[in-house]
Every structure is written in C-alpha cells, then in structure tokens.
Amino acid sequence: MIIGKKITKAYGQLQVLRGVDIEIAAGEVVSIVGASGAGKSTLLHILGTLDRADSGSVTLRDTNLQTLSDKNLASFRNQHIGFVFQFHHLLPEFTALENICIPAYIQKANEADTQKRAIELLDLLGLKARAEHKPNQLSGGEQQRVAVARALINKPDVIMADEPSGNLDSDTSKELHQLFFDLREEFNQTFVIVTHNEELAQMADRKLVMQDGLIIQGK
C-alpha cells in the first residue's frame, strides 16, 4: 500500500534521512523504533504527508504524493490518512462526538451519516456514554481513544501513530496497544507506529529499527 524509495530529508546541515526505502502492506501493523534523533518521526511525517522529502518518492495507493500540490495533498491526507500522536490534540471546546466528526466535516461529509459513524466508533471503543463529554471530563486513556476514533472517521487507508502511548500509564498503554490490533481485525486497518515502547514494538507484524537516518533492521 505504501512504498517509499530513497527518501532523504535535511534540516539545514543536519541530514535526518539518508535514502530510506520502506514498504507497508495493507492490513499490516509496523513499528518503527530507534534512539532519539534516528529519524523515526521525520520518516512518519513524510509518509503521512505532514512533511515533504527533499528527494525520493512516497506512493500511497498508487498516488505519487510528491506530485500533489499543497492543497491537493491536504485533501488527500484528510481522506486517506489518520493520525494519533502522543498528545491527543482534541479541541477543548468540543465534545468527544464533535471532535471525532471534524475530519469528516472538513470533507463536507453528510452530517447525519458522520454522526452515526462517530457514535458507532465510540461504541466500539467503549466510549458511547462519553459522547457528550468534553476532553477535560475524560481520562487520559479516554482522550486518546477519542483521538483514535477521530483518526478512523474517514475510513483511512492507514493510521500513522507517533508515540501513541507515550503519555499514558502502563495499564492504559496496554489497553491502547490491544485496541490497535482489535481495529486491525475489525477493519483490516493498517498502522505505522513510531514508539519507544518495546512491548508495542514487539507486538507488531514487523519491527523496523532506525539508526542515523536509515532502516538498519527489519526491512
């Protein structure tokens, strides 16, 4: 589903990615690990179209992302890619339900259909009773599950997760990790996960190890 070839990225004199090749199959859960500064998040951001490579190519579902304008890239990202970050980034003034619906509303999706799917996702994630609660009324784990539902609302091809359990306690982290694999079973959902959590990394179908801007293990 995702093919990255010879991806490079530098920030000033700092060469962060040095010609990375990567392929992700549909329905696969792939973890990316490595020391801080190895290039993990930069690679994830380029695969997820949040940043552009200096050279090389990224193809998702036969679309060469390097050829899209910024406007078209933003639309493609919203339709095809979901994101879960270390911090949930929920909008505090909106309810859980409203936060989940936002990406679909950006695509001008039907409001009734969107809310129906959002409620179904909340139910699937054990949060139906929390639909009208605002983020400050939810626990950290609940907030992160709302963020996962938001990532799923547009039925994305892939979810990119950057340290998704990095701000959670051990038990809540385990629940979130299991949720990813439950969603893979439910929707054949593809995940690319950057993590320092070795337990999560080992659960993945493949663990890719990065060092000095290259994948050195697990291709």
Protein backbone atom coordinates (compact mmCIF):
# COMPACT_ATOMS: atom_id res chain seq x y z
CA MET A 1 0.00 0.00 0.00
CA ILE A 2 2.82 2.41 0.88
CA ILE A 3 6.11 2.47 -0.99
CA GLY A 4 8.89 4.86 -0.04
CA LYS A 5 12.04 4.95 -2.14
CA LYS A 6 15.34 6.68 -1.40
CA ILE A 7 13.71 9.20 0.97
CA THR A 8 16.07 11.95 2.11
CA LYS A 9 15.46 14.89 4.43
CA ALA A 10 17.75 17.51 5.88
CA TYR A 11 17.15 20.46 8.17
CA GLY A 12 19.93 22.88 7.40
CA GLN A 13 23.21 20.99 7.76
CA LEU A 14 21.55 18.15 9.68
CA GLN A 15 20.88 15.15 7.44
CA VAL A 16 17.96 13.37 9.14
CA LEU A 17 17.03 10.75 6.50
CA ARG A 18 19.70 9.30 4.21
CA GLY A 19 17.87 7.40 1.48
CA VAL A 20 15.23 5.31 3.28
CA ASP A 21 13.41 2.52 1.46
CA ILE A 22 10.21 1.20 3.06
CA GLU A 23 7.14 -0.78 2.03
CA ILE A 24 3.97 -1.28 4.07
CA ALA A 25 1.30 -3.80 3.08
CA ALA A 26 -2.43 -3.30 3.56
CA GLY A 27 -3.60 -4.60 6.93
CA GLU A 28 -0.07 -4.65 8.34
CA VAL A 29 0.98 -3.27 11.72
CA VAL A 30 4.54 -1.97 11.50
CA SER A 31 6.50 -0.46 14.37
CA ILE A 32 9.47 1.87 13.93
CA VAL A 33 11.98 2.08 16.76
CA GLY A 34 15.39 3.63 17.36
CA ALA A 35 17.21 6.13 19.50
CA SER A 36 16.09 9.75 19.69
CA GLY A 37 17.32 11.55 16.58
CA ALA A 38 17.37 8.40 14.43
CA GLY A 39 14.78 9.89 12.05
CA LYS A 40 11.68 7.93 13.13
CA SER A 41 9.22 10.79 13.44
CA THR A 42 10.59 12.56 10.38
CA LEU A 43 10.01 9.41 8.34
CA LEU A 44 6.50 9.04 9.75
CA HIS A 45 5.67 12.67 8.95
CA ILE A 46 6.88 12.26 5.37
CA LEU A 47 4.94 9.01 4.88
CA GLY A 48 1.91 10.76 6.38
CA THR A 49 2.33 13.86 4.16
CA LEU A 50 2.83 16.21 7.10
CA ASP A 51 6.26 16.99 5.64
CA ARG A 52 7.85 16.59 2.23
CA ALA A 53 11.02 14.69 1.40
CA ASP A 54 13.94 16.55 -0.13
CA SER A 55 14.33 13.70 -2.63
CA GLY A 56 12.97 10.23 -3.24
CA SER A 57 9.34 9.26 -3.58
CA VAL A 58 6.35 8.18 -1.49
CA THR A 59 3.46 6.33 -3.13
CA LEU A 60 0.21 5.58 -1.33
CA ARG A 61 -2.48 3.58 -3.14
CA ASP A 62 -0.74 4.24 -6.48
CA THR A 63 -0.68 8.02 -5.90
CA ASN A 64 2.76 9.63 -6.02
CA LEU A 65 2.48 12.07 -3.13
CA GLN A 66 5.45 14.13 -4.30
CA THR A 67 3.45 15.28 -7.34
CA LEU A 68 0.49 16.74 -5.43
CA SER A 69 0.08 20.45 -4.74
CA ASP A 70 -0.14 21.52 -1.10
CA LYS A 71 -3.92 21.92 -1.41
CA ASN A 72 -4.42 18.52 -3.02
CA LEU A 73 -2.02 16.93 -0.55
CA ALA A 74 -4.03 18.29 2.39
CA SER A 75 -7.23 16.87 0.92
CA PHE A 76 -5.58 13.51 0.19
CA ARG A 77 -4.21 13.39 3.75
CA ASN A 78 -7.61 14.02 5.29
CA GLN A 79 -9.27 11.34 3.17
CA HIS A 80 -6.67 8.58 3.29
CA ILE A 81 -4.53 9.00 6.44
CA GLY A 82 -5.44 9.08 10.12
CA PHE A 83 -3.12 10.33 12.85
CA VAL A 84 -2.65 9.53 16.52
CA PHE A 85 0.00 11.49 18.40
CA GLN A 86 1.48 11.29 21.90
CA PHE A 87 -0.84 14.09 22.95
CA HIS A 88 -4.43 13.74 21.83
CA HIS A 89 -4.81 17.27 20.36
CA LEU A 90 -8.57 17.27 20.98
CA LEU A 91 -10.26 20.66 20.75
CA PRO A 92 -11.25 21.52 24.34
CA GLU A 93 -14.43 23.42 23.48
CA PHE A 94 -15.97 20.48 21.58
CA THR A 95 -17.45 17.23 22.87
CA ALA A 96 -15.94 13.84 22.16
CA LEU A 97 -18.51 13.27 19.42
CA GLU A 98 -17.84 16.65 17.81
CA ASN A 99 -14.06 16.13 17.91
CA ILE A 100 -14.41 12.79 16.13
CA CYS A 101 -16.60 14.30 13.39
CA ILE A 102 -14.28 17.19 12.47
CA PRO A 103 -12.19 15.42 9.76
CA ALA A 104 -15.38 14.23 8.03
CA TYR A 105 -16.92 17.70 8.17
CA ILE A 106 -13.77 19.09 6.52
CA GLN A 107 -14.54 16.71 3.63
CA LYS A 108 -18.12 18.05 3.61
CA ALA A 109 -19.48 14.62 4.50
CA ASN A 110 -23.16 14.22 5.33
CA GLU A 111 -23.70 15.34 8.91
CA ALA A 112 -26.17 12.62 9.89
CA ASP A 113 -24.06 9.84 8.38
CA THR A 114 -20.94 11.23 10.04
CA GLN A 115 -22.52 11.38 13.48
CA LYS A 116 -23.89 7.86 13.05
CA ARG A 117 -20.41 6.52 12.26
CA ALA A 118 -18.87 8.53 15.10
CA ILE A 119 -21.34 7.03 17.58
CA GLU A 120 -20.60 3.55 16.20
CA LEU A 121 -16.88 4.17 16.74
CA LEU A 122 -17.47 5.46 20.25
CA ASP A 123 -19.49 2.34 20.98
CA LEU A 124 -16.76 0.11 19.52
CA LEU A 125 -14.16 1.84 21.71
CA GLY A 126 -16.29 1.61 24.85
CA LEU A 127 -17.00 5.35 24.99
CA LYS A 128 -20.61 5.68 23.85
CA ALA A 129 -21.65 7.02 27.25
CA ARG A 130 -18.98 9.72 26.98
CA ALA A 131 -20.11 11.14 23.62
CA GLU A 132 -21.24 14.48 25.05
CA HIS A 133 -18.28 14.90 27.43
CA LYS A 134 -15.58 17.45 26.67
CA PRO A 135 -11.90 16.45 26.80
CA ASN A 136 -11.35 17.81 30.31
CA GLN A 137 -14.07 15.45 31.54
CA LEU A 138 -12.27 12.39 30.16
CA SER A 139 -9.32 10.41 31.49
CA GLY A 140 -6.06 10.34 29.53
CA GLY A 141 -6.87 6.92 28.12
CA GLU A 142 -10.36 8.02 27.11
CA GLN A 143 -8.99 11.13 25.41
CA GLN A 144 -6.56 9.01 23.42
CA ARG A 145 -9.33 6.61 22.38
CA VAL A 146 -11.36 9.59 21.16
CA ALA A 147 -8.29 10.60 19.14
CA VAL A 148 -8.18 7.09 17.66
CA ALA A 149 -11.88 7.33 16.72
CA ARG A 150 -11.19 10.70 15.10
CA ALA A 151 -8.38 9.08 13.10
CA LEU A 152 -10.81 6.38 11.91
CA ILE A 153 -13.79 8.56 10.99
CA ASN A 154 -12.88 8.92 7.29
CA LYS A 155 -12.06 5.20 6.93
CA PRO A 156 -8.39 5.92 6.18
CA ASP A 157 -6.07 3.57 4.34
CA VAL A 158 -3.51 3.89 7.11
CA ILE A 159 -3.17 5.28 10.61
CA MET A 160 0.15 6.91 11.47
CA ALA A 161 0.80 6.84 15.21
CA ASP A 162 3.69 8.77 16.78
CA GLU A 163 4.41 7.61 20.36
CA PRO A 164 0.67 7.00 20.87
CA SER A 165 1.07 5.63 24.42
CA GLY A 166 3.96 7.87 25.44
CA ASN A 167 1.77 9.96 27.75
CA LEU A 168 -0.17 7.08 29.31
CA ASP A 169 0.41 4.87 32.34
CA SER A 170 1.37 1.22 31.88
CA ASP A 171 -2.09 -0.32 32.16
CA THR A 172 -3.73 2.28 29.92
CA SER A 173 -0.90 1.84 27.40
CA LYS A 174 -1.57 -1.89 27.22
CA GLU A 175 -5.27 -1.23 26.58
CA LEU A 176 -4.43 1.19 23.77
CA HIS A 177 -1.95 -1.23 22.21
CA GLN A 178 -4.51 -4.02 22.20
CA LEU A 179 -7.06 -1.64 20.70
CA PHE A 180 -4.83 -1.15 17.64
CA PHE A 181 -4.78 -4.88 16.98
CA ASP A 182 -8.52 -5.19 17.61
CA LEU A 183 -9.06 -2.48 14.98
CA ARG A 184 -6.81 -4.30 12.56
CA GLU A 185 -9.04 -7.37 12.99
CA GLU A 186 -12.24 -5.31 12.74
CA PHE A 187 -11.35 -3.13 9.73
CA ASN A 188 -8.15 -4.68 8.31
CA GLN A 189 -6.68 -1.36 9.41
CA THR A 190 -3.07 -0.60 8.53
CA PHE A 191 -0.89 1.00 11.24
CA VAL A 192 2.57 2.55 11.14
CA ILE A 193 3.65 3.19 14.72
CA VAL A 194 6.71 5.07 15.97
CA THR A 195 7.31 4.02 19.56
CA HIS A 196 9.83 3.72 22.36
CA ASN A 197 7.56 1.11 23.98
CA GLU A 198 9.29 -2.21 23.39
CA GLU A 199 6.17 -4.24 24.22
CA LEU A 200 4.19 -2.47 21.50
CA ALA A 201 7.10 -2.72 19.07
CA GLN A 202 7.29 -6.48 19.57
CA MET A 203 3.52 -6.92 19.06
CA ALA A 204 3.77 -5.53 15.53
CA ASP A 205 3.96 -7.73 12.45
CA ARG A 206 7.32 -6.13 11.70
CA LYS A 207 9.68 -4.04 13.81
CA LEU A 208 11.86 -1.66 11.82
CA VAL A 209 14.95 -0.34 13.58
CA MET A 210 16.31 3.06 12.55
CA GLN A 211 19.77 4.43 13.16
CA ASP A 212 21.37 7.58 11.77
CA GLY A 213 18.62 8.19 9.24
CA LEU A 214 18.43 4.67 7.83
CA ILE A 215 16.44 1.49 8.48
CA ILE A 216 19.13 -0.92 9.60
CA GLN A 217 16.96 -3.87 10.61
CA GLY A 218 13.59 -5.41 9.76
CA LYS A 219 13.01 -4.37 6.14
